[in-house]
Amino acid sequence: THEVDYTKYENSIWSVTNIHTFDEDLEDMKHLLGTSYNLIKEAISYFDDVRPVLQATLSKSLIHNDINPGNVLYDRNGNLAGIIDFTEICHTYRICEVGVALAYIMQISGNDYLAAGRGFINGYAKGYDLSASEKKYLLLFIKLRLSITIIYNTRHLHLDRLLTSSQAGFIRHAKELLANLSDAANDGFIKKMFSPR
């Protein structure tokens, strides 16, 4: 059999497993991040602690790594027509795809973020079964993606001054969601996400 070399797909800065790419930026912007700084550090610390378990229990695959409403196309009848923008494709844990999508969906859903997340999970589960380990670490991967969003965009907003006011709002929503999710117990989050409607 022919083995595929996935190493060229493992270095995306948007892959949550590469969170340490942002260590220097995180420290440089500590004063700009407020309470988000501590929440990001907690998520990274937990990720580092469980990394050996993740390696042993989670399956990997190529993922789109940027599933968000702007990259999903629908036909005139509202049916899924396709996915665009594969510039961030990476080889990583399969559950990261779900974490990335939920980070976007929940971020733009305001106070209904749990219901929006549950709706996505119910649709996803129709095509793919999530293992117990994938469910267990889903919240971590959502937090890591939110952390990258906050660090990356805060850098561009405050240090490079490249973002618009609407993008500044996007950062604010990411910070709010990270704070809300950091207050959630992992088991309670899993029950809410995977309970029947």
N, C-alpha and C. Protein backbone atom coordinates (compact mmCIF):
# COMPACT_ATOMS: atom_id res chain seq x y z
N THR A 1 0.84 -1.19 0.00
CA THR A 1 0.00 0.00 0.00
C THR A 1 0.88 1.25 0.00
N HIS A 2 0.32 2.31 -0.52
CA HIS A 2 1.03 3.59 -0.61
C HIS A 2 0.65 4.46 0.59
N GLU A 3 1.66 4.90 1.34
CA GLU A 3 1.39 5.76 2.49
C GLU A 3 1.46 7.21 2.07
N VAL A 4 0.52 8.01 2.57
CA VAL A 4 0.47 9.43 2.25
C VAL A 4 1.26 10.20 3.29
N ASP A 5 2.06 11.15 2.84
CA ASP A 5 2.82 12.01 3.74
C ASP A 5 1.98 13.23 4.09
N TYR A 6 1.51 13.28 5.33
CA TYR A 6 0.64 14.37 5.76
C TYR A 6 1.41 15.51 6.42
N THR A 7 2.73 15.40 6.53
CA THR A 7 3.48 16.42 7.28
C THR A 7 3.29 17.82 6.72
N LYS A 8 3.09 17.94 5.40
CA LYS A 8 2.92 19.28 4.83
C LYS A 8 1.60 19.91 5.27
N TYR A 9 0.69 19.11 5.86
CA TYR A 9 -0.59 19.63 6.32
C TYR A 9 -0.65 19.81 7.83
N GLU A 10 0.50 19.78 8.49
CA GLU A 10 0.48 19.83 9.95
C GLU A 10 0.99 21.15 10.52
N ASN A 11 1.33 22.12 9.69
CA ASN A 11 1.96 23.33 10.20
C ASN A 11 1.10 24.59 10.14
N SER A 12 -0.17 24.46 9.89
CA SER A 12 -1.04 25.63 9.83
C SER A 12 -1.08 26.35 11.18
N ILE A 13 -0.95 27.66 11.16
CA ILE A 13 -1.05 28.41 12.42
C ILE A 13 -2.46 28.35 12.98
N TRP A 14 -3.43 27.98 12.14
CA TRP A 14 -4.81 27.90 12.60
C TRP A 14 -5.16 26.53 13.15
N SER A 15 -4.23 25.59 13.10
CA SER A 15 -4.47 24.29 13.72
C SER A 15 -4.34 24.45 15.23
N VAL A 16 -5.36 24.05 15.98
CA VAL A 16 -5.32 24.25 17.43
C VAL A 16 -4.17 23.50 18.09
N THR A 17 -3.68 22.44 17.46
CA THR A 17 -2.56 21.71 18.05
C THR A 17 -1.26 22.50 17.95
N ASN A 18 -1.26 23.58 17.18
CA ASN A 18 -0.08 24.45 17.06
C ASN A 18 -0.24 25.72 17.89
N ILE A 19 -1.00 25.63 18.96
CA ILE A 19 -1.30 26.79 19.81
C ILE A 19 -0.02 27.47 20.33
N HIS A 20 1.05 26.71 20.50
CA HIS A 20 2.28 27.32 21.03
C HIS A 20 2.98 28.23 20.02
N THR A 21 2.53 28.21 18.78
CA THR A 21 3.02 29.18 17.79
C THR A 21 2.77 30.61 18.27
N PHE A 22 1.76 30.76 19.13
CA PHE A 22 1.32 32.09 19.56
C PHE A 22 1.85 32.48 20.94
N ASP A 23 2.76 31.71 21.51
CA ASP A 23 3.24 31.99 22.87
C ASP A 23 3.80 33.39 23.01
N GLU A 24 4.64 33.81 22.07
CA GLU A 24 5.26 35.14 22.16
C GLU A 24 4.21 36.24 22.04
N ASP A 25 3.29 36.09 21.08
CA ASP A 25 2.22 37.09 20.93
C ASP A 25 1.37 37.16 22.18
N LEU A 26 1.07 36.00 22.75
CA LEU A 26 0.23 35.96 23.95
C LEU A 26 0.87 36.77 25.08
N GLU A 27 2.16 36.59 25.28
CA GLU A 27 2.84 37.33 26.34
C GLU A 27 2.95 38.82 26.01
N ASP A 28 3.21 39.14 24.74
CA ASP A 28 3.31 40.55 24.33
C ASP A 28 2.00 41.30 24.54
N MET A 29 0.88 40.59 24.41
CA MET A 29 -0.44 41.24 24.47
C MET A 29 -1.17 41.00 25.78
N LYS A 30 -0.48 40.51 26.76
CA LYS A 30 -1.11 40.19 28.05
C LYS A 30 -1.95 41.37 28.56
N HIS A 31 -1.42 42.57 28.45
CA HIS A 31 -2.11 43.77 28.95
C HIS A 31 -3.36 44.11 28.13
N LEU A 32 -3.43 43.63 26.88
CA LEU A 32 -4.58 43.91 26.03
C LEU A 32 -5.69 42.86 26.19
N LEU A 33 -5.34 41.71 26.71
CA LEU A 33 -6.28 40.59 26.74
C LEU A 33 -7.14 40.54 27.99
N GLY A 34 -6.73 41.23 29.05
CA GLY A 34 -7.51 41.23 30.27
C GLY A 34 -7.70 39.83 30.82
N THR A 35 -8.92 39.51 31.25
CA THR A 35 -9.19 38.20 31.85
C THR A 35 -9.05 37.07 30.84
N SER A 36 -9.14 37.38 29.56
CA SER A 36 -8.98 36.34 28.54
C SER A 36 -7.60 35.72 28.59
N TYR A 37 -6.61 36.49 29.01
CA TYR A 37 -5.24 35.97 29.09
C TYR A 37 -5.20 34.72 29.98
N ASN A 38 -5.78 34.82 31.18
CA ASN A 38 -5.76 33.68 32.10
C ASN A 38 -6.56 32.50 31.56
N LEU A 39 -7.68 32.77 30.90
CA LEU A 39 -8.50 31.69 30.34
C LEU A 39 -7.76 30.97 29.22
N ILE A 40 -7.05 31.74 28.41
CA ILE A 40 -6.26 31.15 27.32
C ILE A 40 -5.13 30.30 27.91
N LYS A 41 -4.44 30.83 28.91
CA LYS A 41 -3.35 30.09 29.54
C LYS A 41 -3.86 28.79 30.17
N GLU A 42 -5.04 28.83 30.77
CA GLU A 42 -5.63 27.62 31.37
C GLU A 42 -5.91 26.57 30.30
N ALA A 43 -6.47 27.00 29.17
CA ALA A 43 -6.78 26.06 28.09
C ALA A 43 -5.49 25.44 27.54
N ILE A 44 -4.46 26.26 27.36
CA ILE A 44 -3.19 25.75 26.84
C ILE A 44 -2.55 24.78 27.83
N SER A 45 -2.60 25.12 29.10
CA SER A 45 -2.02 24.26 30.13
C SER A 45 -2.72 22.90 30.16
N TYR A 46 -4.03 22.91 30.07
CA TYR A 46 -4.79 21.65 30.06
C TYR A 46 -4.45 20.84 28.81
N PHE A 47 -4.36 21.51 27.69
CA PHE A 47 -3.99 20.84 26.44
C PHE A 47 -2.63 20.17 26.58
N ASP A 48 -1.67 20.87 27.15
CA ASP A 48 -0.33 20.29 27.34
C ASP A 48 -0.39 19.07 28.26
N ASP A 49 -1.21 19.16 29.30
CA ASP A 49 -1.34 18.05 30.25
C ASP A 49 -1.91 16.79 29.61
N VAL A 50 -2.90 16.96 28.72
CA VAL A 50 -3.58 15.79 28.16
C VAL A 50 -3.05 15.38 26.79
N ARG A 51 -2.06 16.07 26.29
CA ARG A 51 -1.54 15.78 24.94
C ARG A 51 -1.20 14.30 24.74
N PRO A 52 -0.52 13.63 25.70
CA PRO A 52 -0.24 12.20 25.49
C PRO A 52 -1.52 11.36 25.36
N VAL A 53 -2.55 11.71 26.11
CA VAL A 53 -3.82 10.98 26.03
C VAL A 53 -4.47 11.23 24.67
N LEU A 54 -4.42 12.46 24.20
CA LEU A 54 -4.99 12.79 22.90
C LEU A 54 -4.31 11.97 21.80
N GLN A 55 -2.98 11.90 21.87
CA GLN A 55 -2.22 11.14 20.88
C GLN A 55 -2.65 9.68 20.85
N ALA A 56 -2.95 9.15 22.01
CA ALA A 56 -3.27 7.73 22.13
C ALA A 56 -4.72 7.40 21.80
N THR A 57 -5.62 8.38 21.96
CA THR A 57 -7.05 8.04 21.87
C THR A 57 -7.81 8.68 20.72
N LEU A 58 -7.30 9.75 20.14
CA LEU A 58 -8.07 10.46 19.11
C LEU A 58 -7.55 10.12 17.72
N SER A 59 -8.50 9.91 16.80
CA SER A 59 -8.11 9.63 15.42
C SER A 59 -7.83 10.94 14.68
N LYS A 60 -6.95 10.82 13.68
CA LYS A 60 -6.58 11.99 12.89
C LYS A 60 -7.08 11.84 11.46
N SER A 61 -7.25 12.98 10.81
CA SER A 61 -7.61 12.99 9.39
C SER A 61 -7.30 14.37 8.83
N LEU A 62 -7.44 14.51 7.53
CA LEU A 62 -7.37 15.84 6.93
C LEU A 62 -8.69 16.53 7.24
N ILE A 63 -8.62 17.77 7.69
CA ILE A 63 -9.84 18.53 7.96
C ILE A 63 -9.79 19.87 7.23
N HIS A 64 -10.94 20.43 6.98
CA HIS A 64 -11.05 21.74 6.32
C HIS A 64 -10.44 22.82 7.19
N ASN A 65 -10.73 22.78 8.49
CA ASN A 65 -10.14 23.65 9.51
C ASN A 65 -10.62 25.10 9.47
N ASP A 66 -11.64 25.38 8.68
CA ASP A 66 -12.18 26.74 8.66
C ASP A 66 -13.68 26.71 8.32
N ILE A 67 -14.36 25.71 8.86
CA ILE A 67 -15.80 25.62 8.62
C ILE A 67 -16.49 26.74 9.39
N ASN A 68 -17.03 27.68 8.66
CA ASN A 68 -17.78 28.79 9.24
C ASN A 68 -18.86 29.16 8.24
N PRO A 69 -19.85 29.93 8.66
CA PRO A 69 -20.97 30.23 7.76
C PRO A 69 -20.57 30.84 6.42
N GLY A 70 -19.47 31.57 6.38
CA GLY A 70 -19.03 32.18 5.12
C GLY A 70 -18.44 31.20 4.13
N ASN A 71 -18.09 30.02 4.59
CA ASN A 71 -17.48 29.02 3.72
C ASN A 71 -18.43 27.88 3.36
N VAL A 72 -19.70 28.03 3.72
CA VAL A 72 -20.70 27.01 3.40
C VAL A 72 -21.66 27.60 2.37
N LEU A 73 -21.85 26.90 1.27
CA LEU A 73 -22.72 27.35 0.20
C LEU A 73 -24.02 26.55 0.19
N TYR A 74 -25.12 27.25 -0.08
CA TYR A 74 -26.43 26.61 -0.15
C TYR A 74 -27.06 26.89 -1.50
N ASP A 75 -27.92 25.97 -1.94
CA ASP A 75 -28.65 26.22 -3.18
C ASP A 75 -29.89 27.05 -2.89
N ARG A 76 -30.69 27.33 -3.90
CA ARG A 76 -31.87 28.18 -3.74
C ARG A 76 -32.89 27.62 -2.76
N ASN A 77 -32.85 26.31 -2.57
CA ASN A 77 -33.80 25.66 -1.66
C ASN A 77 -33.26 25.53 -0.24
N GLY A 78 -32.09 26.08 -0.01
CA GLY A 78 -31.50 26.02 1.32
C GLY A 78 -30.76 24.73 1.62
N ASN A 79 -30.54 23.92 0.60
CA ASN A 79 -29.80 22.68 0.79
C ASN A 79 -28.30 22.94 0.63
N LEU A 80 -27.51 22.18 1.37
CA LEU A 80 -26.06 22.31 1.29
C LEU A 80 -25.60 22.04 -0.14
N ALA A 81 -24.88 23.00 -0.71
CA ALA A 81 -24.40 22.86 -2.09
C ALA A 81 -22.89 22.63 -2.14
N GLY A 82 -22.16 23.07 -1.13
CA GLY A 82 -20.72 22.86 -1.14
C GLY A 82 -20.00 23.64 -0.06
N ILE A 83 -18.73 23.35 0.05
CA ILE A 83 -17.83 24.03 0.99
C ILE A 83 -16.72 24.67 0.17
N ILE A 84 -16.34 25.90 0.52
CA ILE A 84 -15.27 26.60 -0.19
C ILE A 84 -14.13 26.93 0.77
N ASP A 85 -13.04 27.45 0.23
CA ASP A 85 -11.89 27.97 0.96
C ASP A 85 -11.16 26.88 1.75
N PHE A 86 -10.34 26.14 1.03
CA PHE A 86 -9.57 25.08 1.66
C PHE A 86 -8.13 25.52 1.96
N THR A 87 -7.92 26.81 2.18
CA THR A 87 -6.57 27.33 2.40
C THR A 87 -5.99 26.94 3.76
N GLU A 88 -6.83 26.56 4.71
CA GLU A 88 -6.34 26.22 6.05
C GLU A 88 -6.38 24.72 6.32
N ILE A 89 -6.56 23.91 5.28
CA ILE A 89 -6.65 22.46 5.46
C ILE A 89 -5.45 21.96 6.26
N CYS A 90 -5.70 21.04 7.18
CA CYS A 90 -4.59 20.48 7.95
C CYS A 90 -4.89 19.05 8.37
N HIS A 91 -3.83 18.36 8.73
CA HIS A 91 -3.92 16.99 9.23
C HIS A 91 -3.81 17.07 10.73
N THR A 92 -4.90 16.73 11.40
CA THR A 92 -4.92 16.84 12.86
C THR A 92 -6.04 15.94 13.39
N TYR A 93 -6.36 16.11 14.65
CA TYR A 93 -7.43 15.31 15.24
C TYR A 93 -8.75 15.63 14.53
N ARG A 94 -9.48 14.59 14.20
CA ARG A 94 -10.75 14.75 13.49
C ARG A 94 -11.71 15.65 14.27
N ILE A 95 -11.70 15.55 15.58
CA ILE A 95 -12.63 16.33 16.41
C ILE A 95 -12.35 17.84 16.32
N CYS A 96 -11.15 18.22 15.87
CA CYS A 96 -10.84 19.65 15.72
C CYS A 96 -11.78 20.30 14.72
N GLU A 97 -12.21 19.55 13.70
CA GLU A 97 -13.15 20.11 12.71
C GLU A 97 -14.44 20.55 13.40
N VAL A 98 -14.92 19.71 14.29
CA VAL A 98 -16.15 20.02 15.03
C VAL A 98 -15.90 21.20 15.97
N GLY A 99 -14.74 21.20 16.64
CA GLY A 99 -14.41 22.29 17.54
C GLY A 99 -14.32 23.63 16.84
N VAL A 100 -13.71 23.65 15.66
CA VAL A 100 -13.60 24.88 14.87
C VAL A 100 -14.98 25.38 14.46
N ALA A 101 -15.79 24.47 13.92
CA ALA A 101 -17.13 24.86 13.48
C ALA A 101 -17.97 25.39 14.64
N LEU A 102 -17.90 24.70 15.78
CA LEU A 102 -18.66 25.16 16.95
C LEU A 102 -18.16 26.50 17.47
N ALA A 103 -16.86 26.73 17.42
CA ALA A 103 -16.32 28.02 17.86
C ALA A 103 -16.94 29.15 17.04
N TYR A 104 -17.03 28.97 15.72
CA TYR A 104 -17.65 29.99 14.87
C TYR A 104 -19.14 30.11 15.13
N ILE A 105 -19.83 29.00 15.08
CA ILE A 105 -21.29 29.00 15.20
C ILE A 105 -21.74 29.57 16.53
N MET A 106 -21.12 29.12 17.60
CA MET A 106 -21.52 29.58 18.93
C MET A 106 -21.16 31.05 19.14
N GLN A 107 -20.08 31.48 18.51
CA GLN A 107 -19.63 32.86 18.65
C GLN A 107 -20.62 33.86 18.07
N ILE A 108 -21.25 33.49 16.96
CA ILE A 108 -22.17 34.43 16.31
C ILE A 108 -23.62 34.24 16.74
N SER A 109 -23.84 33.34 17.70
CA SER A 109 -25.21 33.01 18.10
C SER A 109 -25.68 33.74 19.34
N GLY A 110 -24.86 34.59 19.91
CA GLY A 110 -25.26 35.37 21.08
C GLY A 110 -25.65 34.48 22.25
N ASN A 111 -26.75 34.83 22.92
CA ASN A 111 -27.18 34.10 24.10
C ASN A 111 -27.65 32.68 23.80
N ASP A 112 -27.94 32.39 22.54
CA ASP A 112 -28.42 31.07 22.16
C ASP A 112 -27.28 30.14 21.73
N TYR A 113 -26.07 30.39 22.22
CA TYR A 113 -24.92 29.65 21.73
C TYR A 113 -25.02 28.15 22.00
N LEU A 114 -25.62 27.75 23.13
CA LEU A 114 -25.74 26.31 23.40
C LEU A 114 -26.73 25.66 22.45
N ALA A 115 -27.85 26.32 22.19
CA ALA A 115 -28.83 25.77 21.25
C ALA A 115 -28.25 25.69 19.85
N ALA A 116 -27.52 26.72 19.44
CA ALA A 116 -26.89 26.70 18.11
C ALA A 116 -25.87 25.58 18.02
N GLY A 117 -25.08 25.40 19.06
CA GLY A 117 -24.10 24.33 19.09
C GLY A 117 -24.75 22.96 19.03
N ARG A 118 -25.82 22.79 19.78
CA ARG A 118 -26.54 21.52 19.80
C ARG A 118 -27.13 21.22 18.42
N GLY A 119 -27.63 22.24 17.76
CA GLY A 119 -28.17 22.06 16.41
C GLY A 119 -27.11 21.57 15.45
N PHE A 120 -25.92 22.15 15.53
CA PHE A 120 -24.83 21.70 14.67
C PHE A 120 -24.44 20.26 15.00
N ILE A 121 -24.29 19.96 16.29
CA ILE A 121 -23.90 18.61 16.71
C ILE A 121 -24.92 17.58 16.23
N ASN A 122 -26.20 17.89 16.34
CA ASN A 122 -27.23 16.95 15.88
C ASN A 122 -27.11 16.68 14.39
N GLY A 123 -26.82 17.71 13.61
CA GLY A 123 -26.64 17.53 12.18
C GLY A 123 -25.38 16.75 11.86
N TYR A 124 -24.29 17.07 12.56
CA TYR A 124 -23.02 16.40 12.33
C TYR A 124 -23.13 14.91 12.67
N ALA A 125 -23.81 14.62 13.78
CA ALA A 125 -23.92 13.24 14.25
C ALA A 125 -24.72 12.35 13.30
N LYS A 126 -25.48 12.95 12.40
CA LYS A 126 -26.21 12.15 11.41
C LYS A 126 -25.26 11.49 10.42
N GLY A 127 -24.09 12.08 10.22
CA GLY A 127 -23.13 11.53 9.28
C GLY A 127 -21.92 10.89 9.93
N TYR A 128 -21.58 11.34 11.13
CA TYR A 128 -20.38 10.86 11.79
C TYR A 128 -20.64 10.63 13.27
N ASP A 129 -20.27 9.47 13.74
CA ASP A 129 -20.36 9.17 15.17
C ASP A 129 -19.12 9.72 15.86
N LEU A 130 -19.33 10.35 16.99
CA LEU A 130 -18.20 10.84 17.78
C LEU A 130 -17.89 9.82 18.87
N SER A 131 -16.63 9.52 19.06
CA SER A 131 -16.23 8.58 20.11
C SER A 131 -16.37 9.25 21.47
N ALA A 132 -16.31 8.46 22.51
CA ALA A 132 -16.38 9.01 23.88
C ALA A 132 -15.22 9.97 24.12
N SER A 133 -14.02 9.65 23.61
CA SER A 133 -12.86 10.54 23.78
C SER A 133 -13.05 11.84 23.02
N GLU A 134 -13.61 11.77 21.82
CA GLU A 134 -13.85 12.99 21.04
C GLU A 134 -14.84 13.90 21.77
N LYS A 135 -15.88 13.32 22.32
CA LYS A 135 -16.84 14.12 23.10
C LYS A 135 -16.16 14.73 24.32
N LYS A 136 -15.35 13.92 24.99
CA LYS A 136 -14.69 14.37 26.22
C LYS A 136 -13.81 15.60 25.99
N TYR A 137 -13.14 15.67 24.84
CA TYR A 137 -12.18 16.76 24.60
C TYR A 137 -12.71 17.84 23.65
N LEU A 138 -13.96 17.74 23.27
CA LEU A 138 -14.54 18.73 22.36
C LEU A 138 -14.46 20.14 22.93
N LEU A 139 -14.85 20.31 24.18
CA LEU A 139 -14.82 21.64 24.80
C LEU A 139 -13.42 22.23 24.77
N LEU A 140 -12.42 21.42 25.02
CA LEU A 140 -11.03 21.90 24.98
C LEU A 140 -10.69 22.45 23.60
N PHE A 141 -11.07 21.73 22.55
CA PHE A 141 -10.72 22.18 21.20
C PHE A 141 -11.48 23.44 20.80
N ILE A 142 -12.68 23.61 21.29
CA ILE A 142 -13.41 24.87 21.06
C ILE A 142 -12.65 26.02 21.73
N LYS A 143 -12.24 25.80 22.97
CA LYS A 143 -11.51 26.84 23.70
C LYS A 143 -10.19 27.19 23.02
N LEU A 144 -9.50 26.18 22.53
CA LEU A 144 -8.23 26.45 21.85
C LEU A 144 -8.44 27.25 20.57
N ARG A 145 -9.50 26.93 19.81
CA ARG A 145 -9.75 27.70 18.58
C ARG A 145 -10.14 29.14 18.92
N LEU A 146 -10.96 29.32 19.94
CA LEU A 146 -11.30 30.68 20.38
C LEU A 146 -10.05 31.42 20.82
N SER A 147 -9.16 30.73 21.50
CA SER A 147 -7.91 31.35 21.96
C SER A 147 -7.08 31.84 20.79
N ILE A 148 -6.96 31.02 19.75
CA ILE A 148 -6.20 31.43 18.57
C ILE A 148 -6.86 32.63 17.91
N THR A 149 -8.18 32.59 17.80
CA THR A 149 -8.93 33.72 17.22
C THR A 149 -8.65 35.01 17.98
N ILE A 150 -8.69 34.93 19.30
CA ILE A 150 -8.48 36.12 20.14
C ILE A 150 -7.05 36.63 19.99
N ILE A 151 -6.08 35.74 20.09
CA ILE A 151 -4.67 36.17 20.01
C ILE A 151 -4.36 36.76 18.64
N TYR A 152 -4.69 36.02 17.60
CA TYR A 152 -4.36 36.43 16.23
C TYR A 152 -5.01 37.77 15.88
N ASN A 153 -6.29 37.87 16.16
CA ASN A 153 -7.00 39.09 15.78
C ASN A 153 -6.68 40.27 16.69
N THR A 154 -6.40 40.02 17.96
CA THR A 154 -6.00 41.12 18.85
C THR A 154 -4.67 41.70 18.38
N ARG A 155 -3.77 40.82 17.95
CA ARG A 155 -2.49 41.31 17.43
C ARG A 155 -2.72 42.24 16.25
N HIS A 156 -3.56 41.82 15.31
CA HIS A 156 -3.79 42.63 14.12
C HIS A 156 -4.58 43.90 14.44
N LEU A 157 -5.45 43.84 15.39
CA LEU A 157 -6.23 45.02 15.74
C LEU A 157 -5.39 46.06 16.48
N HIS A 158 -4.68 45.61 17.51
CA HIS A 158 -3.99 46.56 18.38
C HIS A 158 -2.54 46.84 17.99
N LEU A 159 -1.86 45.85 17.47
CA LEU A 159 -0.45 46.06 17.15
C LEU A 159 -0.24 46.43 15.69
N ASP A 160 -0.95 45.77 14.79
CA ASP A 160 -0.79 46.06 13.37
C ASP A 160 -1.85 47.02 12.85
N ARG A 161 -2.94 47.19 13.61
CA ARG A 161 -4.05 48.08 13.27
C ARG A 161 -4.63 47.79 11.89
N LEU A 162 -4.88 46.50 11.65
CA LEU A 162 -5.38 46.09 10.34
C LEU A 162 -6.85 45.68 10.33
N LEU A 163 -7.47 45.58 11.50
CA LEU A 163 -8.84 45.08 11.54
C LEU A 163 -9.86 46.21 11.60
N THR A 164 -11.06 45.91 11.14
CA THR A 164 -12.15 46.88 11.16
C THR A 164 -12.88 46.81 12.50
N SER A 165 -13.81 47.73 12.71
CA SER A 165 -14.57 47.72 13.96
C SER A 165 -15.45 46.47 14.06
N SER A 166 -15.94 45.96 12.93
CA SER A 166 -16.74 44.73 12.99
C SER A 166 -15.87 43.55 13.41
N GLN A 167 -14.62 43.55 12.99
CA GLN A 167 -13.71 42.48 13.41
C GLN A 167 -13.36 42.63 14.89
N ALA A 168 -13.31 43.86 15.37
CA ALA A 168 -13.09 44.08 16.80
C ALA A 168 -14.26 43.49 17.58
N GLY A 169 -15.46 43.61 17.05
CA GLY A 169 -16.64 43.00 17.67
C GLY A 169 -16.53 41.48 17.69
N PHE A 170 -15.95 40.93 16.64
CA PHE A 170 -15.74 39.49 16.55
C PHE A 170 -14.83 39.03 17.69
N ILE A 171 -13.78 39.79 17.97
CA ILE A 171 -12.89 39.47 19.09
C ILE A 171 -13.65 39.52 20.41
N ARG A 172 -14.46 40.56 20.56
CA ARG A 172 -15.24 40.71 21.80
C ARG A 172 -16.15 39.51 22.02
N HIS A 173 -16.81 39.07 20.96
CA HIS A 173 -17.70 37.90 21.07
C HIS A 173 -16.91 36.63 21.39
N ALA A 174 -15.72 36.50 20.81
CA ALA A 174 -14.88 35.34 21.10
C ALA A 174 -14.46 35.34 22.57
N LYS A 175 -14.12 36.51 23.10
CA LYS A 175 -13.75 36.62 24.51
C LYS A 175 -14.92 36.26 25.42
N GLU A 176 -16.10 36.76 25.06
CA GLU A 176 -17.30 36.47 25.87
C GLU A 176 -17.61 34.98 25.86
N LEU A 177 -17.52 34.35 24.69
CA LEU A 177 -17.81 32.93 24.60
C LEU A 177 -16.77 32.12 25.36
N LEU A 178 -15.49 32.49 25.24
CA LEU A 178 -14.45 31.78 25.98
C LEU A 178 -14.71 31.87 27.48
N ALA A 179 -15.12 33.04 27.95
CA ALA A 179 -15.42 33.20 29.37
C ALA A 179 -16.61 32.32 29.78
N ASN A 180 -17.66 32.31 28.96
CA ASN A 180 -18.82 31.48 29.26
C ASN A 180 -18.46 30.00 29.29
N LEU A 181 -17.69 29.56 28.32
CA LEU A 181 -17.32 28.15 28.24
C LEU A 181 -16.34 27.76 29.34
N SER A 182 -15.53 28.70 29.78
CA SER A 182 -14.57 28.41 30.85
C SER A 182 -15.28 28.23 32.18
N ASP A 183 -16.47 28.80 32.30
CA ASP A 183 -17.28 28.62 33.51
C ASP A 183 -18.03 27.30 33.49
N ALA A 184 -18.10 26.65 32.33
CA ALA A 184 -18.89 25.42 32.19
C ALA A 184 -18.07 24.21 32.61
N ALA A 185 -18.71 23.30 33.34
CA ALA A 185 -18.08 22.03 33.66
C ALA A 185 -18.10 21.16 32.40
N ASN A 186 -17.04 20.44 32.15
CA ASN A 186 -16.93 19.65 30.92
C ASN A 186 -18.07 18.64 30.80
N ASP A 187 -18.37 17.92 31.87
CA ASP A 187 -19.44 16.92 31.81
C ASP A 187 -20.79 17.56 31.53
N GLY A 188 -21.05 18.72 32.16
CA GLY A 188 -22.30 19.43 31.91
C GLY A 188 -22.40 19.92 30.48
N PHE A 189 -21.29 20.38 29.93
CA PHE A 189 -21.27 20.84 28.55
C PHE A 189 -21.59 19.68 27.61
N ILE A 190 -20.96 18.55 27.84
CA ILE A 190 -21.20 17.38 26.99
C ILE A 190 -22.66 16.97 27.03
N LYS A 191 -23.24 16.95 28.23
CA LYS A 191 -24.66 16.57 28.34
C LYS A 191 -25.54 17.53 27.57
N LYS A 192 -25.25 18.83 27.66
CA LYS A 192 -26.07 19.82 26.95
C LYS A 192 -25.91 19.70 25.45
N MET A 193 -24.68 19.44 24.99
CA MET A 193 -24.44 19.35 23.54
C MET A 193 -25.02 18.09 22.94
N PHE A 194 -25.00 17.01 23.68
CA PHE A 194 -25.36 15.72 23.10
C PHE A 194 -26.70 15.17 23.60
N SER A 195 -27.44 16.01 24.33
CA SER A 195 -28.77 15.56 24.76
C SER A 195 -29.74 15.69 23.59
N PRO A 196 -30.72 14.80 23.51
CA PRO A 196 -31.71 14.91 22.43
C PRO A 196 -32.52 16.20 22.59
N ARG A 197 -33.00 16.72 21.50
CA ARG A 197 -33.78 17.97 21.55
C ARG A 197 -35.10 17.74 22.24
